[in-house]
Amino acid sequence: MAHDIHISAEFVKGATKPEHFPESSLPEIAMIGRSNVGKSSLINTLVRHSRMARVSNTPGKTQEINFFVTDMNFMLVDLPGYGYARRSKDQRQLFSELIRAYVLNRPQLVVTCVLVDARHDPQPLDLAMLEELELGGRRYAILLTKCDKLKPAALVEREQQVRDLVVNCEFLVDVVPTSSETGLGRHQLLGLIKRIVNLSS
């Protein structure tokens, strides 16, 4: 069994506007995905903390960008979920602008992890986010979530489908199958983060 990587994180601040982003020299790893894709659960699995990111049954509960400093010399950034229709149109637009301001313009951001539910085909908003990052020249990884819900053959097929979608993408760094239930992908993701953080330092 691979040596377990222990990581701890501490909340720094939440931001609802770009001017509220913290001043920091640490490289930042961002997590983003559709509402209820399992982002909070994956973050909590990543840092082995059951309450670091709030897990909600209400899609779209995370309404600000939350910054956490880790003991691995990087900042973990939890972005609002996108694509949940029960918010007002103005609210959705505000979050869209907030997300875009962060992922396209934040100098400290070294990779954006886009979470995609492995049980379904990538949704139009997922593809739009990937395209935005690619056209913006920003590095990103695709994290397939809830992979424990798929049989092994179906998971292999889904991963290949996603890889085929992004085969010509210049700024994709990896596609990582994950599960918050089983811990699948945790070591691979932490290793990826460590390499990118070391490259940026």
N, C-alpha and C. Protein backbone atom coordinates (compact mmCIF):
# COMPACT_ATOMS: atom_id res chain seq x y z
N MET A 1 0.84 -1.20 0.00
CA MET A 1 0.00 0.00 0.00
C MET A 1 0.88 1.24 0.00
N ALA A 2 0.49 2.25 -0.78
CA ALA A 2 1.27 3.47 -0.87
C ALA A 2 1.23 4.21 0.47
N HIS A 3 2.31 4.88 0.76
CA HIS A 3 2.39 5.66 1.99
C HIS A 3 1.34 6.75 1.98
N ASP A 4 0.55 6.83 3.05
CA ASP A 4 -0.53 7.81 3.11
C ASP A 4 0.04 9.22 3.24
N ILE A 5 -0.54 10.13 2.50
CA ILE A 5 -0.14 11.53 2.56
C ILE A 5 -1.12 12.26 3.45
N HIS A 6 -0.62 12.82 4.54
CA HIS A 6 -1.49 13.56 5.45
C HIS A 6 -1.43 15.04 5.08
N ILE A 7 -2.59 15.65 5.03
CA ILE A 7 -2.66 17.07 4.71
C ILE A 7 -3.71 17.71 5.60
N SER A 8 -3.37 18.87 6.13
CA SER A 8 -4.35 19.61 6.93
C SER A 8 -4.55 20.98 6.30
N ALA A 9 -5.70 21.56 6.58
CA ALA A 9 -6.02 22.85 5.99
C ALA A 9 -6.79 23.69 7.00
N GLU A 10 -6.62 24.99 6.89
CA GLU A 10 -7.27 25.93 7.81
C GLU A 10 -7.95 27.02 7.00
N PHE A 11 -9.19 27.32 7.35
CA PHE A 11 -9.95 28.34 6.65
C PHE A 11 -9.29 29.71 6.79
N VAL A 12 -9.17 30.42 5.66
CA VAL A 12 -8.58 31.77 5.66
C VAL A 12 -9.67 32.82 5.57
N LYS A 13 -10.47 32.75 4.50
CA LYS A 13 -11.58 33.70 4.35
C LYS A 13 -12.48 33.28 3.20
N GLY A 14 -13.67 33.84 3.17
CA GLY A 14 -14.58 33.68 2.05
C GLY A 14 -14.67 35.00 1.30
N ALA A 15 -14.87 34.92 0.00
CA ALA A 15 -14.92 36.13 -0.83
C ALA A 15 -16.12 36.08 -1.76
N THR A 16 -16.88 37.16 -1.81
CA THR A 16 -18.01 37.27 -2.73
C THR A 16 -17.72 38.25 -3.86
N LYS A 17 -16.56 38.92 -3.78
CA LYS A 17 -16.13 39.86 -4.83
C LYS A 17 -14.63 39.70 -5.03
N PRO A 18 -14.12 39.96 -6.25
CA PRO A 18 -12.68 39.83 -6.49
C PRO A 18 -11.83 40.67 -5.54
N GLU A 19 -12.33 41.83 -5.15
CA GLU A 19 -11.54 42.67 -4.25
C GLU A 19 -11.41 42.07 -2.85
N HIS A 20 -12.18 41.03 -2.57
CA HIS A 20 -12.09 40.36 -1.27
C HIS A 20 -11.12 39.17 -1.28
N PHE A 21 -10.57 38.84 -2.46
CA PHE A 21 -9.62 37.73 -2.52
C PHE A 21 -8.43 38.04 -1.60
N PRO A 22 -7.92 37.05 -0.86
CA PRO A 22 -6.80 37.32 0.05
C PRO A 22 -5.50 37.62 -0.69
N GLU A 23 -4.70 38.45 -0.08
CA GLU A 23 -3.35 38.70 -0.60
C GLU A 23 -2.46 37.57 -0.11
N SER A 24 -1.84 36.88 -1.05
CA SER A 24 -1.03 35.71 -0.69
C SER A 24 -0.04 35.43 -1.81
N SER A 25 1.10 34.88 -1.43
CA SER A 25 2.09 34.47 -2.44
C SER A 25 2.04 32.96 -2.68
N LEU A 26 1.16 32.26 -1.97
CA LEU A 26 1.07 30.80 -2.12
C LEU A 26 0.38 30.43 -3.43
N PRO A 27 0.84 29.36 -4.09
CA PRO A 27 0.11 28.87 -5.27
C PRO A 27 -1.26 28.35 -4.83
N GLU A 28 -2.24 28.49 -5.71
CA GLU A 28 -3.60 28.11 -5.37
C GLU A 28 -4.11 26.98 -6.28
N ILE A 29 -4.79 26.02 -5.67
CA ILE A 29 -5.44 24.91 -6.37
C ILE A 29 -6.93 25.10 -6.18
N ALA A 30 -7.67 25.26 -7.28
CA ALA A 30 -9.10 25.54 -7.17
C ALA A 30 -9.93 24.30 -7.50
N MET A 31 -11.08 24.18 -6.84
CA MET A 31 -12.04 23.11 -7.09
C MET A 31 -13.35 23.74 -7.57
N ILE A 32 -13.85 23.25 -8.70
CA ILE A 32 -15.08 23.81 -9.25
C ILE A 32 -15.89 22.70 -9.92
N GLY A 33 -17.20 22.88 -9.96
CA GLY A 33 -18.05 21.90 -10.62
C GLY A 33 -19.50 22.27 -10.50
N ARG A 34 -20.36 21.50 -11.16
CA ARG A 34 -21.78 21.74 -11.06
C ARG A 34 -22.25 21.54 -9.62
N SER A 35 -23.33 22.21 -9.26
CA SER A 35 -23.89 22.07 -7.92
C SER A 35 -24.19 20.61 -7.62
N ASN A 36 -23.78 20.16 -6.44
CA ASN A 36 -23.98 18.78 -5.97
C ASN A 36 -23.24 17.73 -6.79
N VAL A 37 -22.09 18.12 -7.36
CA VAL A 37 -21.25 17.14 -8.06
C VAL A 37 -20.41 16.33 -7.07
N GLY A 38 -20.44 16.76 -5.80
CA GLY A 38 -19.67 16.07 -4.77
C GLY A 38 -18.38 16.79 -4.42
N LYS A 39 -18.34 18.10 -4.69
CA LYS A 39 -17.11 18.87 -4.49
C LYS A 39 -16.72 18.97 -3.02
N SER A 40 -17.68 19.34 -2.17
CA SER A 40 -17.36 19.48 -0.75
C SER A 40 -16.91 18.16 -0.15
N SER A 41 -17.58 17.07 -0.54
CA SER A 41 -17.19 15.74 -0.03
C SER A 41 -15.78 15.38 -0.47
N LEU A 42 -15.43 15.70 -1.72
CA LEU A 42 -14.09 15.38 -2.22
C LEU A 42 -13.03 16.20 -1.51
N ILE A 43 -13.32 17.48 -1.27
CA ILE A 43 -12.37 18.33 -0.55
C ILE A 43 -12.14 17.76 0.85
N ASN A 44 -13.22 17.37 1.51
CA ASN A 44 -13.08 16.82 2.86
C ASN A 44 -12.31 15.50 2.86
N THR A 45 -12.47 14.70 1.82
CA THR A 45 -11.71 13.46 1.69
C THR A 45 -10.24 13.75 1.43
N LEU A 46 -10.00 14.76 0.63
CA LEU A 46 -8.63 15.13 0.27
C LEU A 46 -7.82 15.51 1.50
N VAL A 47 -8.43 16.26 2.40
CA VAL A 47 -7.71 16.71 3.59
C VAL A 47 -8.04 15.88 4.82
N ARG A 48 -8.85 14.81 4.61
CA ARG A 48 -9.23 13.92 5.71
C ARG A 48 -9.84 14.70 6.87
N HIS A 49 -10.77 15.56 6.55
CA HIS A 49 -11.45 16.37 7.55
C HIS A 49 -12.93 16.35 7.22
N SER A 50 -13.74 15.92 8.15
CA SER A 50 -15.16 15.69 7.84
C SER A 50 -15.98 16.97 7.75
N ARG A 51 -15.45 18.10 8.21
CA ARG A 51 -16.28 19.30 8.21
C ARG A 51 -15.58 20.52 7.63
N MET A 52 -14.47 20.33 6.92
CA MET A 52 -13.76 21.50 6.41
C MET A 52 -14.60 22.27 5.41
N ALA A 53 -15.13 21.57 4.41
CA ALA A 53 -16.05 22.20 3.47
C ALA A 53 -17.45 21.69 3.80
N ARG A 54 -18.40 22.60 3.88
CA ARG A 54 -19.75 22.21 4.26
C ARG A 54 -20.39 21.35 3.18
N VAL A 55 -20.91 20.20 3.58
CA VAL A 55 -21.60 19.31 2.65
C VAL A 55 -23.09 19.56 2.80
N SER A 56 -23.76 19.84 1.71
CA SER A 56 -25.17 20.19 1.77
C SER A 56 -25.98 19.34 0.81
N ASN A 57 -27.22 19.05 1.20
CA ASN A 57 -28.15 18.39 0.29
C ASN A 57 -28.87 19.41 -0.59
N THR A 58 -28.64 20.69 -0.31
CA THR A 58 -29.25 21.75 -1.11
C THR A 58 -28.25 22.21 -2.16
N PRO A 59 -28.50 21.93 -3.44
CA PRO A 59 -27.56 22.35 -4.48
C PRO A 59 -27.34 23.86 -4.44
N GLY A 60 -26.09 24.27 -4.65
CA GLY A 60 -25.80 25.69 -4.74
C GLY A 60 -25.61 26.37 -3.40
N LYS A 61 -25.42 25.60 -2.32
CA LYS A 61 -25.29 26.21 -0.99
C LYS A 61 -24.03 27.05 -0.86
N THR A 62 -22.93 26.60 -1.48
CA THR A 62 -21.68 27.36 -1.41
C THR A 62 -21.82 28.60 -2.27
N GLN A 63 -21.95 29.76 -1.65
CA GLN A 63 -22.24 30.99 -2.39
C GLN A 63 -21.09 31.98 -2.36
N GLU A 64 -19.92 31.52 -2.03
CA GLU A 64 -18.74 32.38 -2.06
C GLU A 64 -17.53 31.52 -2.36
N ILE A 65 -16.44 32.18 -2.69
CA ILE A 65 -15.18 31.47 -2.90
C ILE A 65 -14.48 31.37 -1.55
N ASN A 66 -14.21 30.14 -1.12
CA ASN A 66 -13.59 29.92 0.19
C ASN A 66 -12.13 29.50 0.02
N PHE A 67 -11.27 30.17 0.76
CA PHE A 67 -9.82 29.95 0.70
C PHE A 67 -9.35 29.23 1.96
N PHE A 68 -8.57 28.16 1.76
CA PHE A 68 -8.00 27.39 2.87
C PHE A 68 -6.50 27.27 2.68
N VAL A 69 -5.73 27.57 3.71
CA VAL A 69 -4.28 27.40 3.62
C VAL A 69 -3.95 26.00 4.12
N THR A 70 -3.05 25.31 3.41
CA THR A 70 -2.69 23.94 3.77
C THR A 70 -1.25 23.89 4.28
N ASP A 71 -0.91 22.74 4.87
CA ASP A 71 0.46 22.55 5.35
C ASP A 71 1.37 21.99 4.27
N MET A 72 0.90 22.01 3.01
CA MET A 72 1.72 21.59 1.87
C MET A 72 2.11 22.79 1.01
N ASN A 73 2.09 23.96 1.61
CA ASN A 73 2.53 25.20 0.95
C ASN A 73 1.70 25.56 -0.28
N PHE A 74 0.40 25.34 -0.20
CA PHE A 74 -0.50 25.86 -1.23
C PHE A 74 -1.84 26.21 -0.59
N MET A 75 -2.62 27.00 -1.31
CA MET A 75 -3.95 27.37 -0.88
C MET A 75 -4.97 26.52 -1.65
N LEU A 76 -5.89 25.91 -0.93
CA LEU A 76 -6.98 25.15 -1.55
C LEU A 76 -8.18 26.09 -1.64
N VAL A 77 -8.77 26.19 -2.83
CA VAL A 77 -9.83 27.18 -3.06
C VAL A 77 -11.10 26.47 -3.52
N ASP A 78 -12.17 26.66 -2.76
CA ASP A 78 -13.47 26.03 -3.03
C ASP A 78 -14.37 27.06 -3.70
N LEU A 79 -14.67 26.84 -4.99
CA LEU A 79 -15.49 27.79 -5.74
C LEU A 79 -16.97 27.42 -5.68
N PRO A 80 -17.86 28.41 -5.88
CA PRO A 80 -19.30 28.12 -5.88
C PRO A 80 -19.66 27.13 -6.98
N GLY A 81 -20.64 26.28 -6.69
CA GLY A 81 -21.16 25.39 -7.72
C GLY A 81 -21.87 26.19 -8.79
N TYR A 82 -21.82 25.71 -10.02
CA TYR A 82 -22.50 26.45 -11.09
C TYR A 82 -23.64 25.62 -11.67
N GLY A 83 -24.61 26.33 -12.26
CA GLY A 83 -25.66 25.65 -13.01
C GLY A 83 -26.89 25.26 -12.24
N TYR A 84 -27.09 25.82 -11.03
CA TYR A 84 -28.29 25.46 -10.28
C TYR A 84 -29.37 26.50 -10.53
N ALA A 85 -30.53 26.08 -11.02
CA ALA A 85 -31.53 27.00 -11.58
C ALA A 85 -32.40 27.70 -10.54
N ARG A 86 -32.42 27.25 -9.30
CA ARG A 86 -33.34 27.86 -8.34
C ARG A 86 -32.85 29.20 -7.82
N ARG A 87 -31.60 29.53 -8.06
CA ARG A 87 -31.14 30.88 -7.74
C ARG A 87 -31.78 31.87 -8.70
N SER A 88 -31.84 33.14 -8.28
CA SER A 88 -32.35 34.16 -9.19
C SER A 88 -31.36 34.33 -10.35
N LYS A 89 -31.86 34.84 -11.46
CA LYS A 89 -31.00 35.05 -12.63
C LYS A 89 -29.84 35.97 -12.28
N ASP A 90 -30.13 37.04 -11.53
CA ASP A 90 -29.08 37.99 -11.16
C ASP A 90 -28.03 37.31 -10.29
N GLN A 91 -28.47 36.45 -9.39
CA GLN A 91 -27.53 35.75 -8.51
C GLN A 91 -26.64 34.82 -9.31
N ARG A 92 -27.24 34.09 -10.27
CA ARG A 92 -26.44 33.18 -11.09
C ARG A 92 -25.41 33.95 -11.90
N GLN A 93 -25.83 35.11 -12.43
CA GLN A 93 -24.91 35.91 -13.23
C GLN A 93 -23.77 36.44 -12.37
N LEU A 94 -24.09 36.85 -11.15
CA LEU A 94 -23.06 37.34 -10.23
C LEU A 94 -22.02 36.26 -9.98
N PHE A 95 -22.47 35.03 -9.71
CA PHE A 95 -21.53 33.96 -9.43
C PHE A 95 -20.72 33.62 -10.68
N SER A 96 -21.36 33.69 -11.83
CA SER A 96 -20.65 33.43 -13.08
C SER A 96 -19.51 34.42 -13.25
N GLU A 97 -19.78 35.69 -12.98
CA GLU A 97 -18.74 36.73 -13.10
C GLU A 97 -17.66 36.54 -12.04
N LEU A 98 -18.06 36.15 -10.84
CA LEU A 98 -17.09 35.92 -9.76
C LEU A 98 -16.17 34.75 -10.11
N ILE A 99 -16.77 33.66 -10.58
CA ILE A 99 -15.98 32.50 -10.97
C ILE A 99 -15.02 32.86 -12.10
N ARG A 100 -15.54 33.55 -13.11
CA ARG A 100 -14.70 33.91 -14.27
C ARG A 100 -13.55 34.82 -13.84
N ALA A 101 -13.84 35.77 -12.97
CA ALA A 101 -12.79 36.68 -12.50
C ALA A 101 -11.68 35.91 -11.80
N TYR A 102 -12.07 34.88 -11.04
CA TYR A 102 -11.05 34.11 -10.32
C TYR A 102 -10.28 33.19 -11.25
N VAL A 103 -10.96 32.33 -11.99
CA VAL A 103 -10.25 31.29 -12.74
C VAL A 103 -9.46 31.83 -13.92
N LEU A 104 -9.86 32.98 -14.45
CA LEU A 104 -9.15 33.52 -15.61
C LEU A 104 -8.10 34.55 -15.25
N ASN A 105 -8.24 35.20 -14.09
CA ASN A 105 -7.37 36.34 -13.80
C ASN A 105 -6.53 36.23 -12.53
N ARG A 106 -6.79 35.27 -11.69
CA ARG A 106 -6.07 35.18 -10.42
C ARG A 106 -4.63 34.71 -10.67
N PRO A 107 -3.64 35.57 -10.40
CA PRO A 107 -2.24 35.20 -10.69
C PRO A 107 -1.76 33.99 -9.89
N GLN A 108 -2.26 33.83 -8.67
CA GLN A 108 -1.78 32.74 -7.80
C GLN A 108 -2.33 31.37 -8.20
N LEU A 109 -3.36 31.34 -9.04
CA LEU A 109 -3.99 30.07 -9.41
C LEU A 109 -3.08 29.29 -10.35
N VAL A 110 -2.71 28.06 -9.95
CA VAL A 110 -1.82 27.25 -10.79
C VAL A 110 -2.54 26.10 -11.49
N VAL A 111 -3.67 25.65 -10.94
CA VAL A 111 -4.49 24.65 -11.64
C VAL A 111 -5.92 24.69 -11.10
N THR A 112 -6.87 24.55 -12.01
CA THR A 112 -8.28 24.46 -11.64
C THR A 112 -8.74 23.02 -11.83
N CYS A 113 -9.26 22.42 -10.78
CA CYS A 113 -9.79 21.06 -10.86
C CYS A 113 -11.29 21.14 -11.15
N VAL A 114 -11.67 20.69 -12.34
CA VAL A 114 -13.07 20.71 -12.76
C VAL A 114 -13.69 19.35 -12.44
N LEU A 115 -14.67 19.33 -11.55
CA LEU A 115 -15.28 18.08 -11.13
C LEU A 115 -16.46 17.74 -12.03
N VAL A 116 -16.49 16.51 -12.51
CA VAL A 116 -17.53 16.03 -13.42
C VAL A 116 -18.09 14.72 -12.86
N ASP A 117 -19.40 14.63 -12.73
CA ASP A 117 -20.05 13.43 -12.21
C ASP A 117 -19.86 12.28 -13.20
N ALA A 118 -19.17 11.24 -12.76
CA ALA A 118 -18.83 10.12 -13.64
C ALA A 118 -20.06 9.32 -14.08
N ARG A 119 -21.16 9.48 -13.39
CA ARG A 119 -22.36 8.70 -13.73
C ARG A 119 -23.05 9.21 -14.99
N HIS A 120 -22.70 10.43 -15.40
CA HIS A 120 -23.38 11.04 -16.54
C HIS A 120 -22.37 11.56 -17.56
N ASP A 121 -22.83 11.77 -18.78
CA ASP A 121 -22.00 12.45 -19.77
C ASP A 121 -21.67 13.84 -19.24
N PRO A 122 -20.48 14.38 -19.57
CA PRO A 122 -20.19 15.77 -19.22
C PRO A 122 -21.31 16.68 -19.73
N GLN A 123 -21.80 17.57 -18.86
CA GLN A 123 -22.91 18.44 -19.19
C GLN A 123 -22.42 19.68 -19.96
N PRO A 124 -23.33 20.36 -20.67
CA PRO A 124 -22.92 21.55 -21.44
C PRO A 124 -22.15 22.58 -20.62
N LEU A 125 -22.56 22.79 -19.35
CA LEU A 125 -21.83 23.75 -18.52
C LEU A 125 -20.44 23.26 -18.17
N ASP A 126 -20.28 21.95 -18.00
CA ASP A 126 -18.94 21.39 -17.76
C ASP A 126 -18.04 21.68 -18.96
N LEU A 127 -18.57 21.40 -20.14
CA LEU A 127 -17.79 21.62 -21.37
C LEU A 127 -17.49 23.09 -21.57
N ALA A 128 -18.45 23.95 -21.20
CA ALA A 128 -18.23 25.39 -21.33
C ALA A 128 -17.12 25.86 -20.40
N MET A 129 -17.08 25.31 -19.18
CA MET A 129 -16.02 25.67 -18.24
C MET A 129 -14.66 25.21 -18.75
N LEU A 130 -14.59 23.98 -19.28
CA LEU A 130 -13.34 23.47 -19.83
C LEU A 130 -12.87 24.33 -20.99
N GLU A 131 -13.81 24.74 -21.84
CA GLU A 131 -13.46 25.58 -22.98
C GLU A 131 -12.96 26.94 -22.53
N GLU A 132 -13.61 27.49 -21.49
CA GLU A 132 -13.21 28.79 -20.96
C GLU A 132 -11.76 28.73 -20.45
N LEU A 133 -11.44 27.67 -19.73
CA LEU A 133 -10.09 27.52 -19.19
C LEU A 133 -9.07 27.30 -20.31
N GLU A 134 -9.43 26.47 -21.28
CA GLU A 134 -8.53 26.19 -22.40
C GLU A 134 -8.25 27.46 -23.20
N LEU A 135 -9.30 28.19 -23.54
CA LEU A 135 -9.12 29.42 -24.33
C LEU A 135 -8.41 30.50 -23.53
N GLY A 136 -8.58 30.45 -22.20
CA GLY A 136 -7.91 31.42 -21.34
C GLY A 136 -6.47 31.06 -21.04
N GLY A 137 -6.03 29.89 -21.52
CA GLY A 137 -4.65 29.48 -21.29
C GLY A 137 -4.36 29.13 -19.85
N ARG A 138 -5.38 28.59 -19.15
CA ARG A 138 -5.24 28.27 -17.72
C ARG A 138 -5.19 26.75 -17.54
N ARG A 139 -4.22 26.27 -16.76
CA ARG A 139 -4.10 24.83 -16.54
C ARG A 139 -5.28 24.28 -15.74
N TYR A 140 -5.71 23.07 -16.11
CA TYR A 140 -6.83 22.45 -15.41
C TYR A 140 -6.70 20.94 -15.43
N ALA A 141 -7.35 20.32 -14.45
CA ALA A 141 -7.47 18.86 -14.39
C ALA A 141 -8.96 18.53 -14.32
N ILE A 142 -9.34 17.37 -14.83
CA ILE A 142 -10.72 16.91 -14.73
C ILE A 142 -10.77 15.81 -13.68
N LEU A 143 -11.61 16.00 -12.66
CA LEU A 143 -11.79 15.00 -11.62
C LEU A 143 -13.16 14.36 -11.80
N LEU A 144 -13.17 13.08 -12.11
CA LEU A 144 -14.43 12.34 -12.22
C LEU A 144 -14.88 11.94 -10.82
N THR A 145 -16.06 12.38 -10.41
CA THR A 145 -16.53 12.11 -9.05
C THR A 145 -17.54 10.96 -9.02
N LYS A 146 -17.75 10.44 -7.81
CA LYS A 146 -18.74 9.37 -7.56
C LYS A 146 -18.46 8.11 -8.39
N CYS A 147 -17.17 7.84 -8.59
CA CYS A 147 -16.78 6.69 -9.42
C CYS A 147 -17.13 5.35 -8.79
N ASP A 148 -17.36 5.35 -7.47
CA ASP A 148 -17.76 4.10 -6.81
C ASP A 148 -19.15 3.65 -7.25
N LYS A 149 -19.92 4.55 -7.85
CA LYS A 149 -21.27 4.21 -8.31
C LYS A 149 -21.26 3.46 -9.64
N LEU A 150 -20.10 3.40 -10.30
CA LEU A 150 -19.99 2.73 -11.59
C LEU A 150 -19.29 1.38 -11.45
N LYS A 151 -19.68 0.43 -12.27
CA LYS A 151 -18.95 -0.82 -12.35
C LYS A 151 -17.62 -0.56 -13.05
N PRO A 152 -16.59 -1.37 -12.75
CA PRO A 152 -15.25 -1.11 -13.31
C PRO A 152 -15.22 -0.89 -14.81
N ALA A 153 -15.94 -1.71 -15.56
CA ALA A 153 -15.93 -1.57 -17.03
C ALA A 153 -16.56 -0.25 -17.46
N ALA A 154 -17.63 0.15 -16.76
CA ALA A 154 -18.30 1.41 -17.08
C ALA A 154 -17.41 2.60 -16.75
N LEU A 155 -16.64 2.49 -15.66
CA LEU A 155 -15.73 3.56 -15.28
C LEU A 155 -14.62 3.72 -16.31
N VAL A 156 -14.06 2.61 -16.76
CA VAL A 156 -13.02 2.66 -17.80
C VAL A 156 -13.57 3.33 -19.05
N GLU A 157 -14.80 2.98 -19.40
CA GLU A 157 -15.43 3.55 -20.59
C GLU A 157 -15.66 5.05 -20.43
N ARG A 158 -16.13 5.46 -19.24
CA ARG A 158 -16.37 6.89 -18.99
C ARG A 158 -15.07 7.68 -19.02
N GLU A 159 -14.03 7.16 -18.38
CA GLU A 159 -12.75 7.86 -18.38
C GLU A 159 -12.22 8.03 -19.80
N GLN A 160 -12.34 6.99 -20.61
CA GLN A 160 -11.87 7.07 -22.00
C GLN A 160 -12.70 8.07 -22.80
N GLN A 161 -14.01 8.10 -22.54
CA GLN A 161 -14.88 9.06 -23.22
C GLN A 161 -14.43 10.49 -22.93
N VAL A 162 -14.13 10.77 -21.66
CA VAL A 162 -13.71 12.11 -21.27
C VAL A 162 -12.34 12.43 -21.87
N ARG A 163 -11.43 11.47 -21.83
CA ARG A 163 -10.10 11.70 -22.42
C ARG A 163 -10.21 11.98 -23.92
N ASP A 164 -11.12 11.28 -24.59
CA ASP A 164 -11.31 11.51 -26.03
C ASP A 164 -11.84 12.92 -26.30
N LEU A 165 -12.66 13.43 -25.38
CA LEU A 165 -13.22 14.78 -25.54
C LEU A 165 -12.14 15.86 -25.49
N VAL A 166 -11.09 15.60 -24.70
CA VAL A 166 -10.08 16.63 -24.45
C VAL A 166 -8.72 16.26 -25.04
N VAL A 167 -8.72 15.34 -26.00
CA VAL A 167 -7.46 14.80 -26.51
C VAL A 167 -6.55 15.88 -27.10
N ASN A 168 -7.12 16.92 -27.66
CA ASN A 168 -6.31 17.97 -28.29
C ASN A 168 -6.15 19.21 -27.41
N CYS A 169 -6.54 19.12 -26.15
CA CYS A 169 -6.48 20.28 -25.26
C CYS A 169 -5.06 20.49 -24.74
N GLU A 170 -4.58 21.69 -24.89
CA GLU A 170 -3.18 22.01 -24.55
C GLU A 170 -2.96 22.17 -23.06
N PHE A 171 -3.98 22.67 -22.34
CA PHE A 171 -3.77 23.05 -20.94
C PHE A 171 -4.32 22.04 -19.93
N LEU A 172 -4.84 20.91 -20.43
CA LEU A 172 -5.27 19.83 -19.54
C LEU A 172 -4.04 19.13 -18.97
N VAL A 173 -4.02 18.93 -17.65
CA VAL A 173 -2.88 18.24 -17.04
C VAL A 173 -3.17 16.78 -16.73
N ASP A 174 -4.44 16.42 -16.47
CA ASP A 174 -4.76 15.01 -16.21
C ASP A 174 -6.26 14.83 -16.05
N VAL A 175 -6.70 13.57 -16.18
CA VAL A 175 -8.06 13.16 -15.84
C VAL A 175 -7.94 12.15 -14.71
N VAL A 176 -8.59 12.43 -13.57
CA VAL A 176 -8.42 11.59 -12.38
C VAL A 176 -9.77 11.06 -11.89
N PRO A 177 -10.00 9.74 -11.94
CA PRO A 177 -11.21 9.16 -11.35
C PRO A 177 -11.11 9.24 -9.82
N THR A 178 -12.19 9.66 -9.17
CA THR A 178 -12.17 9.81 -7.71
C THR A 178 -13.45 9.25 -7.08
N SER A 179 -13.37 9.01 -5.78
CA SER A 179 -14.55 8.65 -5.00
C SER A 179 -14.35 9.11 -3.57
N SER A 180 -15.28 9.91 -3.06
CA SER A 180 -15.22 10.34 -1.67
C SER A 180 -15.55 9.19 -0.73
N GLU A 181 -16.28 8.19 -1.23
CA GLU A 181 -16.67 7.05 -0.41
C GLU A 181 -15.51 6.09 -0.17
N THR A 182 -14.73 5.83 -1.21
CA THR A 182 -13.66 4.82 -1.12
C THR A 182 -12.26 5.43 -1.04
N GLY A 183 -12.15 6.74 -1.33
CA GLY A 183 -10.83 7.36 -1.35
C GLY A 183 -10.10 7.19 -2.67
N LEU A 184 -10.77 6.58 -3.65
CA LEU A 184 -10.16 6.42 -4.98
C LEU A 184 -9.67 7.76 -5.52
N GLY A 185 -8.44 7.77 -6.02
CA GLY A 185 -7.90 8.96 -6.67
C GLY A 185 -7.23 9.95 -5.74
N ARG A 186 -7.34 9.73 -4.42
CA ARG A 186 -6.78 10.70 -3.47
C ARG A 186 -5.26 10.82 -3.63
N HIS A 187 -4.56 9.68 -3.66
CA HIS A 187 -3.10 9.72 -3.79
C HIS A 187 -2.69 10.33 -5.13
N GLN A 188 -3.39 9.94 -6.18
CA GLN A 188 -3.07 10.46 -7.50
C GLN A 188 -3.26 11.97 -7.56
N LEU A 189 -4.36 12.45 -6.97
CA LEU A 189 -4.64 13.88 -6.98
C LEU A 189 -3.64 14.66 -6.15
N LEU A 190 -3.32 14.16 -4.96
CA LEU A 190 -2.33 14.84 -4.12
C LEU A 190 -0.96 14.85 -4.78
N GLY A 191 -0.61 13.76 -5.46
CA GLY A 191 0.66 13.73 -6.18
C GLY A 191 0.69 14.74 -7.31
N LEU A 192 -0.43 14.86 -8.02
CA LEU A 192 -0.54 15.84 -9.09
C LEU A 192 -0.41 17.25 -8.55
N ILE A 193 -1.10 17.53 -7.45
CA ILE A 193 -1.03 18.85 -6.83
C ILE A 193 0.41 19.16 -6.40
N LYS A 194 1.06 18.18 -5.79
CA LYS A 194 2.43 18.38 -5.31
C LYS A 194 3.37 18.72 -6.47
N ARG A 195 3.23 18.01 -7.59
CA ARG A 195 4.08 18.28 -8.75
C ARG A 195 3.85 19.70 -9.29
N ILE A 196 2.59 20.08 -9.39
CA ILE A 196 2.28 21.40 -9.94
C ILE A 196 2.74 22.51 -9.00
N VAL A 197 2.54 22.31 -7.70
CA VAL A 197 2.99 23.30 -6.72
C VAL A 197 4.51 23.44 -6.78
N ASN A 198 5.23 22.32 -6.87
CA ASN A 198 6.69 22.36 -6.95
C ASN A 198 7.15 23.06 -8.22
N LEU A 199 6.44 22.84 -9.33
CA LEU A 199 6.80 23.50 -10.59
C LEU A 199 6.61 25.00 -10.51
N SER A 200 5.61 25.42 -9.72
CA SER A 200 5.29 26.85 -9.67
C SER A 200 6.13 27.61 -8.66
N SER A 201 6.86 26.88 -7.81
CA SER A 201 7.62 27.55 -6.75
C SER A 201 8.99 27.99 -7.25
